[in-house]
Structures are given as C-alpha cells and as structure tokens.
Amino acid sequence: MTSQEYTAQYAKKLKELYPQMQVTIDDDLALTIKVGDSYESKHWLDNSFAEYKAAPESFEAIVARYGKAALPRGSKAIDLSQVVPVVKDADWIRETNAGMKASSGCEMVDYVKEDICDGLMILYAQDGGDTITYLHADDLKRAALSLEALHSLALKNLQRMLKNIERHDSDGVYYYTAGGTYEASLILFPWMWTKENFGLDDDVVFAVPTRDVLFATSSKNLRGMERIRAAIAKIYADKPNYRLTKDLFAIVNGKIRRYEVTPIQAPDPTALAVTPAAGSPAAPPSGKAGQ
C-alpha cells in the first residue's frame, strides 16, 4: 500500500476496532481522533506505517496497538513532563473545529492557546510519541497552572526532548533541524535569536512553512529573503504534510511580528538547494535554555 492507501485503510480499521472513535483523515499519515464531545487527539501514522512495511501481515495488530494508545485518558491528569508548545497558523482552531463539525457534528473544542502575533499561535499538547493530544481548558484547570507557568514548563520539556538542534548555513540563509517534528517551535526559545547564538546584530527574519521547516536570515539580507520565499513556494507546490504558513516573520526587540518585504527580482530557481555546513550547531549557549 502507498502511504495514502495506508492512511485510508488504517482509518477504516480503527473505526471497526474502536467504534467509539470518530476518525477524520487530515492528511497523508495524519488523523484526528475524537471520542465524545470533550476528547480530541492528533494521530500520526509515520511509525505505524514503517512497522506495516516491515510486516504487512501484522496490519490489524498494529492498528489495534496504536489505536489503544490513542484512547482518551478519562479524568486522569495530564503528564506535565510531556507537555510541549506547538506552533500553529492562526486559522488552525477554526478549520479543525469546522472540519470536525462537518464530519461528525461535534461542537467546538476549547483549546489551551496563546497568540504569538498576527498569523501564528501556540497550542499546548501532551506528546505521547505517536499521538499528540492537545490540551483543553479543563486540562489546565485540573493541572492548577497559569498559562504563563504552562508556557515555561512546556519550553523546558521541549528543550529536554530535542537532543540535537543543528543550524545549517547556505550563504547567509539558515535552516534548522531538530528531529523532524518541532522545528517550528524553536522560534519560541529566547536564546535562539541572541547575538551570541545567532551571530547577527540585525533583526532576524524567519519562516515556518511547515512544522518541520524553519528558515532564518538577517532583515538586511533581501536576497536571502527572496531565496526563502522561493523555497516556500517549492515546498507548497509539493503539497506537504503539516502546513503552517507562507508568511515571513521578524524578531524585533525580542518580539515576533509579521514581516512584509517587497521582492527585488525573480528568485533563483535553485534557491536553497542547501547542504549542511560542518560544525554549525544551534544548541543554546550553556545555561541559556528557557531564559
């Protein structure tokens, strides 16, 4: 089966095995699972698909095992050590609630969220490995945490989970790798954009076209911004999973805002055909995490 066929068959089997689940296909290898009116979870199929390809005869057992892990935790408290901040585009909640209502008639979910700026926001989620469960307002009440305390805790958790953050340089345009899931969330670390870590006196302009892509350059590097825009266009032409936004954003006086720049000329079609620069880590300076 292709990944698209696997996603469809997985969703069908999941509903057979767990009829209490309302299952919506969001994208290739990505589902939303809802149980009742108060539980909703994102369900990624990358790992289960890899297992299936290694042992196709175990398809039903694989779905049963991963599906069981996606069942609601009931009134059990969230595992605060696994809560992370997830960067989303500002329309995600509206589109997700509209999709769930259209497919199953469910009412809107009250997610725990923070606005970053026009176009971006933070959701908070419990990372269960193959399943990510977004926190609802009731979860925050049960945890007896303020939103500020949750934000600080989630950043510390994410820093601990990301074992290998790397920055790669392509003639003044940088891209980051951190495991393939939380690259966009790197923008939330204050130490990311300090002169000591990023190495520039100018404001930083960045883009997060998908959850696993982060580009950055100097606000004075107009050619670099054109190359980033060209790379974003190419990424979206390939219809990627986990899309966020095509927009550029700037770090100005420590704050994130939407950035606008007038293109100077047609971009190089080979823009950002980058190769990692040796020895260019982007890990925080010692003692800087979470500042």
C-alpha atoms as a PDB file:
ATOM      1  CA  MET A   1       0.000   0.000   0.000  1.00  0.00           C
ATOM      2  CA  THR A   2       1.040   3.565  -0.589  1.00  0.00           C
ATOM      3  CA  SER A   3       1.046   5.930   2.371  1.00  0.00           C
ATOM      4  CA  GLN A   4      -2.248   7.409   1.161  1.00  0.00           C
ATOM      5  CA  GLU A   5      -3.852   3.975   0.851  1.00  0.00           C
ATOM      6  CA  TYR A   6      -2.466   3.003   4.244  1.00  0.00           C
ATOM      7  CA  THR A   7      -3.994   6.101   5.830  1.00  0.00           C
ATOM      8  CA  ALA A   8      -7.436   5.281   4.415  1.00  0.00           C
ATOM      9  CA  GLN A   9      -7.266   1.595   5.430  1.00  0.00           C
ATOM     10  CA  TYR A  10      -5.910   2.481   8.874  1.00  0.00           C
ATOM     11  CA  ALA A  11      -8.775   4.919   9.495  1.00  0.00           C
ATOM     12  CA  LYS A  12     -11.323   2.319   8.364  1.00  0.00           C
ATOM     13  CA  LYS A  13      -9.859  -0.416  10.572  1.00  0.00           C
ATOM     14  CA  LEU A  14      -9.556   1.964  13.528  1.00  0.00           C
ATOM     15  CA  LYS A  15     -13.290   2.693  13.379  1.00  0.00           C
ATOM     16  CA  GLU A  16     -14.024  -1.052  13.205  1.00  0.00           C
ATOM     17  CA  LEU A  17     -11.853  -1.842  16.232  1.00  0.00           C
ATOM     18  CA  TYR A  18     -12.873   1.214  18.274  1.00  0.00           C
ATOM     19  CA  PRO A  19     -16.415   2.203  17.242  1.00  0.00           C
ATOM     20  CA  GLN A  20     -16.495   4.927  19.913  1.00  0.00           C
ATOM     21  CA  MET A  21     -13.897   6.844  17.884  1.00  0.00           C
ATOM     22  CA  GLN A  22     -14.787   9.488  15.319  1.00  0.00           C
ATOM     23  CA  VAL A  23     -11.893   9.437  12.868  1.00  0.00           C
ATOM     24  CA  THR A  24     -11.081  12.175  10.350  1.00  0.00           C
ATOM     25  CA  ILE A  25      -8.289  11.967   7.772  1.00  0.00           C
ATOM     26  CA  ASP A  26      -6.404  15.266   7.915  1.00  0.00           C
ATOM     27  CA  ASP A  27      -3.595  14.472   5.519  1.00  0.00           C
ATOM     28  CA  ASP A  28      -1.323  11.692   4.357  1.00  0.00           C
ATOM     29  CA  LEU A  29      -0.415   9.707   7.525  1.00  0.00           C
ATOM     30  CA  ALA A  30      -2.296  12.139   9.776  1.00  0.00           C
ATOM     31  CA  LEU A  31      -5.653  11.629  11.507  1.00  0.00           C
ATOM     32  CA  THR A  32      -7.788  13.415  14.066  1.00  0.00           C
ATOM     33  CA  ILE A  33      -9.477  11.161  16.614  1.00  0.00           C
ATOM     34  CA  LYS A  34     -12.420  12.348  18.670  1.00  0.00           C
ATOM     35  CA  VAL A  35     -14.308  10.489  21.403  1.00  0.00           C
ATOM     36  CA  GLY A  36     -17.443  12.133  22.765  1.00  0.00           C
ATOM     37  CA  ASP A  37     -17.643  15.903  22.984  1.00  0.00           C
ATOM     38  CA  SER A  38     -14.546  16.594  25.054  1.00  0.00           C
ATOM     39  CA  TYR A  39     -11.681  14.465  23.714  1.00  0.00           C
ATOM     40  CA  GLU A  40      -9.710  15.117  20.551  1.00  0.00           C
ATOM     41  CA  SER A  41      -6.235  13.975  19.564  1.00  0.00           C
ATOM     42  CA  LYS A  42      -3.941  14.157  16.564  1.00  0.00           C
ATOM     43  CA  HIS A  43      -2.742  10.728  15.468  1.00  0.00           C
ATOM     44  CA  TRP A  44       0.413  10.427  13.341  1.00  0.00           C
ATOM     45  CA  LEU A  45       0.884   7.221  11.328  1.00  0.00           C
ATOM     46  CA  ASP A  46       4.551   7.532  10.326  1.00  0.00           C
ATOM     47  CA  ASN A  47       5.834   4.945  12.804  1.00  0.00           C
ATOM     48  CA  SER A  48       2.970   2.501  12.342  1.00  0.00           C
ATOM     49  CA  PHE A  49       3.377   2.726   8.553  1.00  0.00           C
ATOM     50  CA  ALA A  50       7.062   1.868   8.903  1.00  0.00           C
ATOM     51  CA  GLU A  51       6.106  -1.161  11.025  1.00  0.00           C
ATOM     52  CA  TYR A  52       3.498  -2.192   8.474  1.00  0.00           C
ATOM     53  CA  LYS A  53       6.000  -2.075   5.613  1.00  0.00           C
ATOM     54  CA  ALA A  54       8.286  -4.370   7.605  1.00  0.00           C
ATOM     55  CA  ALA A  55       5.447  -6.779   8.499  1.00  0.00           C
ATOM     56  CA  PRO A  56       2.319  -6.295   6.307  1.00  0.00           C
ATOM     57  CA  GLU A  57       0.658  -9.371   7.790  1.00  0.00           C
ATOM     58  CA  SER A  58       0.507  -7.603  11.171  1.00  0.00           C
ATOM     59  CA  PHE A  59      -1.661  -4.733   9.925  1.00  0.00           C
ATOM     60  CA  GLU A  60      -4.629  -5.317  12.270  1.00  0.00           C
ATOM     61  CA  ALA A  61      -2.399  -5.873  15.305  1.00  0.00           C
ATOM     62  CA  ILE A  62      -0.501  -2.661  14.527  1.00  0.00           C
ATOM     63  CA  VAL A  63      -3.708  -0.631  14.244  1.00  0.00           C
ATOM     64  CA  ALA A  64      -5.082  -2.164  17.448  1.00  0.00           C
ATOM     65  CA  ARG A  65      -1.954  -1.328  19.424  1.00  0.00           C
ATOM     66  CA  TYR A  66      -1.570   2.228  18.209  1.00  0.00           C
ATOM     67  CA  GLY A  67      -5.315   2.806  18.423  1.00  0.00           C
ATOM     68  CA  LYS A  68      -5.421   1.720  22.047  1.00  0.00           C
ATOM     69  CA  ALA A  69      -2.709   4.254  22.864  1.00  0.00           C
ATOM     70  CA  ALA A  70      -4.875   6.975  21.290  1.00  0.00           C
ATOM     71  CA  LEU A  71      -7.903   6.334  23.538  1.00  0.00           C
ATOM     72  CA  PRO A  72      -8.801   9.141  25.964  1.00  0.00           C
ATOM     73  CA  ARG A  73      -7.209   9.185  29.352  1.00  0.00           C
ATOM     74  CA  GLY A  74     -10.557   9.953  31.051  1.00  0.00           C
ATOM     75  CA  SER A  75     -10.174  12.164  34.093  1.00  0.00           C
ATOM     76  CA  LYS A  76      -6.534  11.166  34.555  1.00  0.00           C
ATOM     77  CA  ALA A  77      -4.267  14.169  34.977  1.00  0.00           C
ATOM     78  CA  ILE A  78      -2.057  15.122  32.062  1.00  0.00           C
ATOM     79  CA  ASP A  79       1.607  14.172  32.241  1.00  0.00           C
ATOM     80  CA  LEU A  80       3.128  17.613  32.694  1.00  0.00           C
ATOM     81  CA  SER A  81       6.594  16.285  31.883  1.00  0.00           C
ATOM     82  CA  GLN A  82       5.423  15.576  28.302  1.00  0.00           C
ATOM     83  CA  VAL A  83       3.611  18.841  27.565  1.00  0.00           C
ATOM     84  CA  VAL A  84       5.160  20.841  24.724  1.00  0.00           C
ATOM     85  CA  PRO A  85       4.358  24.083  22.847  1.00  0.00           C
ATOM     86  CA  VAL A  86       3.203  23.535  19.262  1.00  0.00           C
ATOM     87  CA  VAL A  87       3.291  26.416  16.783  1.00  0.00           C
ATOM     88  CA  LYS A  88       0.236  26.591  14.527  1.00  0.00           C
ATOM     89  CA  ASP A  89      -1.140  29.029  11.987  1.00  0.00           C
ATOM     90  CA  ALA A  90      -3.857  31.286  13.372  1.00  0.00           C
ATOM     91  CA  ASP A  91      -6.670  29.563  11.421  1.00  0.00           C
ATOM     92  CA  TRP A  92      -5.948  26.043  12.712  1.00  0.00           C
ATOM     93  CA  ILE A  93      -8.545  26.006  15.503  1.00  0.00           C
ATOM     94  CA  ARG A  94     -11.289  27.415  13.308  1.00  0.00           C
ATOM     95  CA  GLU A  95     -10.540  24.999  10.470  1.00  0.00           C
ATOM     96  CA  THR A  96     -10.197  21.998  12.805  1.00  0.00           C
ATOM     97  CA  ASN A  97     -13.461  22.702  14.619  1.00  0.00           C
ATOM     98  CA  ALA A  98     -15.251  23.319  11.323  1.00  0.00           C
ATOM     99  CA  GLY A  99     -13.932  20.036   9.915  1.00  0.00           C
ATOM    100  CA  MET A 100     -14.975  18.064  12.992  1.00  0.00           C
ATOM    101  CA  LYS A 101     -18.439  19.629  12.987  1.00  0.00           C
ATOM    102  CA  ALA A 102     -18.921  18.879   9.284  1.00  0.00           C
ATOM    103  CA  SER A 103     -17.758  15.263   9.607  1.00  0.00           C
ATOM    104  CA  SER A 104     -19.319  14.310  12.948  1.00  0.00           C
ATOM    105  CA  GLY A 105     -21.480  17.171  14.192  1.00  0.00           C
ATOM    106  CA  CYS A 106     -19.231  17.790  17.217  1.00  0.00           C
ATOM    107  CA  GLU A 107     -19.208  21.169  18.902  1.00  0.00           C
ATOM    108  CA  MET A 108     -16.192  23.471  19.201  1.00  0.00           C
ATOM    109  CA  VAL A 109     -13.278  22.450  21.412  1.00  0.00           C
ATOM    110  CA  ASP A 110     -11.855  24.972  23.884  1.00  0.00           C
ATOM    111  CA  TYR A 111      -8.125  24.529  23.319  1.00  0.00           C
ATOM    112  CA  VAL A 112      -5.401  25.987  25.521  1.00  0.00           C
ATOM    113  CA  LYS A 113      -3.721  28.532  23.253  1.00  0.00           C
ATOM    114  CA  GLU A 114      -1.703  31.729  23.120  1.00  0.00           C
ATOM    115  CA  ASP A 115      -1.436  34.190  20.258  1.00  0.00           C
ATOM    116  CA  ILE A 116       2.119  34.840  19.080  1.00  0.00           C
ATOM    117  CA  CYS A 117       1.307  37.518  16.513  1.00  0.00           C
ATOM    118  CA  ASP A 118      -0.942  38.046  13.533  1.00  0.00           C
ATOM    119  CA  GLY A 119      -0.798  34.690  11.758  1.00  0.00           C
ATOM    120  CA  LEU A 120       0.780  32.457  14.428  1.00  0.00           C
ATOM    121  CA  MET A 121      -0.290  30.953  17.746  1.00  0.00           C
ATOM    122  CA  ILE A 122       0.811  28.355  20.287  1.00  0.00           C
ATOM    123  CA  LEU A 123      -1.185  25.284  21.248  1.00  0.00           C
ATOM    124  CA  TYR A 124      -0.090  23.078  24.126  1.00  0.00           C
ATOM    125  CA  ALA A 125      -0.059  19.323  23.754  1.00  0.00           C
ATOM    126  CA  GLN A 126       0.950  16.148  25.522  1.00  0.00           C
ATOM    127  CA  ASP A 127       3.455  14.314  23.347  1.00  0.00           C
ATOM    128  CA  GLY A 128       2.705  10.605  23.518  1.00  0.00           C
ATOM    129  CA  GLY A 129       5.251   9.555  20.906  1.00  0.00           C
ATOM    130  CA  ASP A 130       2.953   8.528  18.065  1.00  0.00           C
ATOM    131  CA  THR A 131      -0.023  10.523  19.334  1.00  0.00           C
ATOM    132  CA  ILE A 132      -0.164  14.159  20.306  1.00  0.00           C
ATOM    133  CA  THR A 133      -3.105  15.260  22.456  1.00  0.00           C
ATOM    134  CA  TYR A 134      -3.909  18.962  22.516  1.00  0.00           C
ATOM    135  CA  LEU A 135      -4.775  20.370  25.932  1.00  0.00           C
ATOM    136  CA  HIS A 136      -8.257  21.701  26.591  1.00  0.00           C
ATOM    137  CA  ALA A 137      -9.196  24.390  29.102  1.00  0.00           C
ATOM    138  CA  ASP A 138     -10.324  21.720  31.597  1.00  0.00           C
ATOM    139  CA  ASP A 139      -6.856  20.142  31.486  1.00  0.00           C
ATOM    140  CA  LEU A 140      -5.297  23.428  32.530  1.00  0.00           C
ATOM    141  CA  LYS A 141      -7.763  23.796  35.398  1.00  0.00           C
ATOM    142  CA  ARG A 142      -7.035  20.283  36.663  1.00  0.00           C
ATOM    143  CA  ALA A 143      -3.300  20.959  36.483  1.00  0.00           C
ATOM    144  CA  ALA A 144      -3.799  24.138  38.549  1.00  0.00           C
ATOM    145  CA  LEU A 145      -1.302  26.017  36.369  1.00  0.00           C
ATOM    146  CA  SER A 146      -1.386  29.518  34.978  1.00  0.00           C
ATOM    147  CA  LEU A 147      -0.848  29.907  31.255  1.00  0.00           C
ATOM    148  CA  GLU A 148       2.484  31.600  31.974  1.00  0.00           C
ATOM    149  CA  ALA A 149       3.646  28.665  34.123  1.00  0.00           C
ATOM    150  CA  LEU A 150       2.488  26.192  31.476  1.00  0.00           C
ATOM    151  CA  HIS A 151       4.452  28.060  28.804  1.00  0.00           C
ATOM    152  CA  SER A 152       7.648  27.995  30.851  1.00  0.00           C
ATOM    153  CA  LEU A 153       7.227  24.298  31.675  1.00  0.00           C
ATOM    154  CA  ALA A 154       6.463  23.364  28.066  1.00  0.00           C
ATOM    155  CA  LEU A 155       9.605  25.133  26.806  1.00  0.00           C
ATOM    156  CA  LYS A 156      11.750  23.294  29.337  1.00  0.00           C
ATOM    157  CA  ASN A 157      10.178  19.979  28.308  1.00  0.00           C
ATOM    158  CA  LEU A 158      10.787  20.697  24.631  1.00  0.00           C
ATOM    159  CA  GLN A 159      14.413  21.649  25.275  1.00  0.00           C
ATOM    160  CA  ARG A 160      14.881  18.311  27.066  1.00  0.00           C
ATOM    161  CA  MET A 161      13.231  16.306  24.272  1.00  0.00           C
ATOM    162  CA  LEU A 162      15.202  17.898  21.426  1.00  0.00           C
ATOM    163  CA  LYS A 163      18.521  16.106  21.619  1.00  0.00           C
ATOM    164  CA  ASN A 164      20.205  17.530  18.537  1.00  0.00           C
ATOM    165  CA  ILE A 165      19.346  21.034  17.327  1.00  0.00           C
ATOM    166  CA  GLU A 166      21.500  21.994  14.351  1.00  0.00           C
ATOM    167  CA  ARG A 167      21.807  25.145  12.264  1.00  0.00           C
ATOM    168  CA  HIS A 168      22.926  24.884   8.632  1.00  0.00           C
ATOM    169  CA  ASP A 169      24.217  27.853   6.647  1.00  0.00           C
ATOM    170  CA  SER A 170      23.610  28.475   2.939  1.00  0.00           C
ATOM    171  CA  ASP A 171      25.247  31.820   2.110  1.00  0.00           C
ATOM    172  CA  GLY A 172      23.543  33.732   4.905  1.00  0.00           C
ATOM    173  CA  VAL A 173      20.265  31.813   4.859  1.00  0.00           C
ATOM    174  CA  TYR A 174      19.969  29.366   7.727  1.00  0.00           C
ATOM    175  CA  TYR A 175      17.778  26.322   8.164  1.00  0.00           C
ATOM    176  CA  TYR A 176      17.350  24.259  11.284  1.00  0.00           C
ATOM    177  CA  THR A 177      16.961  20.567  12.007  1.00  0.00           C
ATOM    178  CA  ALA A 178      15.761  19.170  15.320  1.00  0.00           C
ATOM    179  CA  GLY A 179      14.248  15.741  14.694  1.00  0.00           C
ATOM    180  CA  GLY A 180      11.519  16.500  12.152  1.00  0.00           C
ATOM    181  CA  THR A 181       8.566  17.408  14.396  1.00  0.00           C
ATOM    182  CA  TYR A 182       9.182  20.581  16.408  1.00  0.00           C
ATOM    183  CA  GLU A 183      11.413  22.750  14.225  1.00  0.00           C
ATOM    184  CA  ALA A 184       8.724  25.465  14.066  1.00  0.00           C
ATOM    185  CA  SER A 185       8.540  25.548  17.870  1.00  0.00           C
ATOM    186  CA  LEU A 186      12.215  26.544  18.024  1.00  0.00           C
ATOM    187  CA  ILE A 187      11.131  30.140  17.383  1.00  0.00           C
ATOM    188  CA  LEU A 188       9.789  30.227  20.964  1.00  0.00           C
ATOM    189  CA  PHE A 189      13.209  29.835  22.612  1.00  0.00           C
ATOM    190  CA  PRO A 190      14.555  33.306  23.565  1.00  0.00           C
ATOM    191  CA  TRP A 191      18.161  32.106  23.232  1.00  0.00           C
ATOM    192  CA  MET A 192      17.601  31.203  19.568  1.00  0.00           C
ATOM    193  CA  TRP A 193      17.858  34.775  18.365  1.00  0.00           C
ATOM    194  CA  THR A 194      20.501  36.288  20.641  1.00  0.00           C
ATOM    195  CA  LYS A 195      23.620  37.761  19.062  1.00  0.00           C
ATOM    196  CA  GLU A 196      25.696  35.147  20.901  1.00  0.00           C
ATOM    197  CA  ASN A 197      23.739  32.288  19.381  1.00  0.00           C
ATOM    198  CA  PHE A 198      22.585  33.626  16.013  1.00  0.00           C
ATOM    199  CA  GLY A 199      25.600  35.847  15.352  1.00  0.00           C
ATOM    200  CA  LEU A 200      23.835  38.898  13.856  1.00  0.00           C
ATOM    201  CA  ASP A 201      23.357  42.477  15.040  1.00  0.00           C
ATOM    202  CA  ASP A 202      20.352  42.942  12.727  1.00  0.00           C
ATOM    203  CA  ASP A 203      16.756  41.869  13.260  1.00  0.00           C
ATOM    204  CA  VAL A 204      16.059  38.249  12.282  1.00  0.00           C
ATOM    205  CA  VAL A 205      13.503  37.322   9.626  1.00  0.00           C
ATOM    206  CA  PHE A 206      12.224  33.739   9.661  1.00  0.00           C
ATOM    207  CA  ALA A 207       9.670  31.435   8.051  1.00  0.00           C
ATOM    208  CA  VAL A 208       7.930  28.289   9.293  1.00  0.00           C
ATOM    209  CA  PRO A 209       6.115  26.931   6.211  1.00  0.00           C
ATOM    210  CA  THR A 210       5.602  23.527   7.859  1.00  0.00           C
ATOM    211  CA  ARG A 211       6.029  22.119  11.350  1.00  0.00           C
ATOM    212  CA  ASP A 212       9.447  20.660  10.436  1.00  0.00           C
ATOM    213  CA  VAL A 213      10.939  23.580   8.476  1.00  0.00           C
ATOM    214  CA  LEU A 214      12.494  26.746   9.925  1.00  0.00           C
ATOM    215  CA  PHE A 215      14.386  29.220   7.727  1.00  0.00           C
ATOM    216  CA  ALA A 216      16.034  32.396   9.021  1.00  0.00           C
ATOM    217  CA  THR A 217      18.175  35.251   7.749  1.00  0.00           C
ATOM    218  CA  SER A 218      19.093  38.876   8.503  1.00  0.00           C
ATOM    219  CA  SER A 219      16.488  41.569   7.901  1.00  0.00           C
ATOM    220  CA  LYS A 220      19.098  43.288   5.701  1.00  0.00           C
ATOM    221  CA  ASN A 221      19.573  40.235   3.503  1.00  0.00           C
ATOM    222  CA  LEU A 222      16.960  40.958   0.818  1.00  0.00           C
ATOM    223  CA  ARG A 223      18.382  38.299  -1.489  1.00  0.00           C
ATOM    224  CA  GLY A 224      18.177  35.812   1.372  1.00  0.00           C
ATOM    225  CA  MET A 225      14.516  36.614   1.908  1.00  0.00           C
ATOM    226  CA  GLU A 226      13.847  36.098  -1.784  1.00  0.00           C
ATOM    227  CA  ARG A 227      15.507  32.702  -1.579  1.00  0.00           C
ATOM    228  CA  ILE A 228      13.374  31.798   1.432  1.00  0.00           C
ATOM    229  CA  ARG A 229      10.208  32.809  -0.437  1.00  0.00           C
ATOM    230  CA  ALA A 230      11.289  30.670  -3.389  1.00  0.00           C
ATOM    231  CA  ALA A 231      11.904  27.714  -1.093  1.00  0.00           C
ATOM    232  CA  ILE A 232       8.459  28.143   0.490  1.00  0.00           C
ATOM    233  CA  ALA A 233       6.822  28.210  -2.948  1.00  0.00           C
ATOM    234  CA  LYS A 234       8.581  24.972  -3.855  1.00  0.00           C
ATOM    235  CA  ILE A 235       7.576  23.324  -0.559  1.00  0.00           C
ATOM    236  CA  TYR A 236       3.907  24.234  -1.067  1.00  0.00           C
ATOM    237  CA  ALA A 237       3.987  23.108  -4.691  1.00  0.00           C
ATOM    238  CA  ASP A 238       4.780  19.637  -3.356  1.00  0.00           C
ATOM    239  CA  LYS A 239       1.675  19.749  -1.078  1.00  0.00           C
ATOM    240  CA  PRO A 240       3.488  18.964   2.165  1.00  0.00           C
ATOM    241  CA  ASN A 241       2.016  17.480   5.323  1.00  0.00           C
ATOM    242  CA  TYR A 242       1.630  19.680   8.400  1.00  0.00           C
ATOM    243  CA  ARG A 243       1.481  23.017   6.600  1.00  0.00           C
ATOM    244  CA  LEU A 244       1.664  26.218   8.658  1.00  0.00           C
ATOM    245  CA  THR A 245       2.044  29.481   6.713  1.00  0.00           C
ATOM    246  CA  LYS A 246       3.790  31.014   3.707  1.00  0.00           C
ATOM    247  CA  ASP A 247       4.351  34.302   5.532  1.00  0.00           C
ATOM    248  CA  LEU A 248       7.634  35.730   6.796  1.00  0.00           C
ATOM    249  CA  PHE A 249       8.014  36.919  10.386  1.00  0.00           C
ATOM    250  CA  ALA A 250      10.556  39.112  12.167  1.00  0.00           C
ATOM    251  CA  ILE A 251      12.103  39.201  15.617  1.00  0.00           C
ATOM    252  CA  VAL A 252      12.106  42.874  16.625  1.00  0.00           C
ATOM    253  CA  ASN A 253      13.205  43.820  20.154  1.00  0.00           C
ATOM    254  CA  GLY A 254      12.581  40.258  21.248  1.00  0.00           C
ATOM    255  CA  LYS A 255       9.030  40.175  19.872  1.00  0.00           C
ATOM    256  CA  ILE A 256       7.672  38.218  16.903  1.00  0.00           C
ATOM    257  CA  ARG A 257       5.657  40.078  14.285  1.00  0.00           C
ATOM    258  CA  ARG A 258       4.576  39.530  10.704  1.00  0.00           C
ATOM    259  CA  TYR A 259       7.154  40.822   8.220  1.00  0.00           C
ATOM    260  CA  GLU A 260       6.495  42.358   4.820  1.00  0.00           C
ATOM    261  CA  VAL A 261       9.124  42.983   2.168  1.00  0.00           C
ATOM    262  CA  THR A 262       8.843  43.915  -1.486  1.00  0.00           C
ATOM    263  CA  PRO A 263      10.505  41.332  -3.782  1.00  0.00           C
ATOM    264  CA  ILE A 264      13.515  42.797  -5.562  1.00  0.00           C
ATOM    265  CA  GLN A 265      13.508  40.459  -8.553  1.00  0.00           C
ATOM    266  CA  ALA A 266      12.652  36.925  -9.616  1.00  0.00           C
ATOM    267  CA  PRO A 267      14.332  34.403  -7.317  1.00  0.00           C
ATOM    268  CA  ASP A 268      16.920  31.905  -8.379  1.00  0.00           C
ATOM    269  CA  PRO A 269      15.052  28.638  -9.193  1.00  0.00           C
ATOM    270  CA  THR A 270      17.813  26.681  -7.443  1.00  0.00           C
ATOM    271  CA  ALA A 271      17.404  28.703  -4.258  1.00  0.00           C
ATOM    272  CA  LEU A 272      18.079  26.902  -1.009  1.00  0.00           C
ATOM    273  CA  ALA A 273      19.408  23.740  -2.555  1.00  0.00           C
ATOM    274  CA  VAL A 274      21.439  23.643   0.620  1.00  0.00           C
ATOM    275  CA  THR A 275      23.917  21.267   2.147  1.00  0.00           C
ATOM    276  CA  PRO A 276      24.645  21.321   5.881  1.00  0.00           C
ATOM    277  CA  ALA A 277      27.666  23.320   6.900  1.00  0.00           C
ATOM    278  CA  ALA A 278      30.000  21.230   9.006  1.00  0.00           C
ATOM    279  CA  GLY A 279      30.118  22.063  12.696  1.00  0.00           C
ATOM    280  CA  SER A 280      27.292  24.593  12.796  1.00  0.00           C
ATOM    281  CA  PRO A 281      25.282  23.687  15.898  1.00  0.00           C
ATOM    282  CA  ALA A 282      22.339  25.793  17.022  1.00  0.00           C
ATOM    283  CA  ALA A 283      22.100  24.461  20.553  1.00  0.00           C
ATOM    284  CA  PRO A 284      21.612  27.065  23.268  1.00  0.00           C
ATOM    285  CA  PRO A 285      24.633  28.562  24.949  1.00  0.00           C
ATOM    286  CA  SER A 286      25.370  26.929  28.285  1.00  0.00           C
ATOM    287  CA  GLY A 287      22.736  27.929  30.822  1.00  0.00           C
ATOM    288  CA  LYS A 288      20.631  29.853  28.311  1.00  0.00           C
ATOM    289  CA  ALA A 289      17.702  27.433  27.813  1.00  0.00           C
ATOM    290  CA  GLY A 290      14.371  28.826  28.797  1.00  0.00           C
ATOM    291  CA  GLN A 291      15.618  32.324  29.612  1.00  0.00           C
END
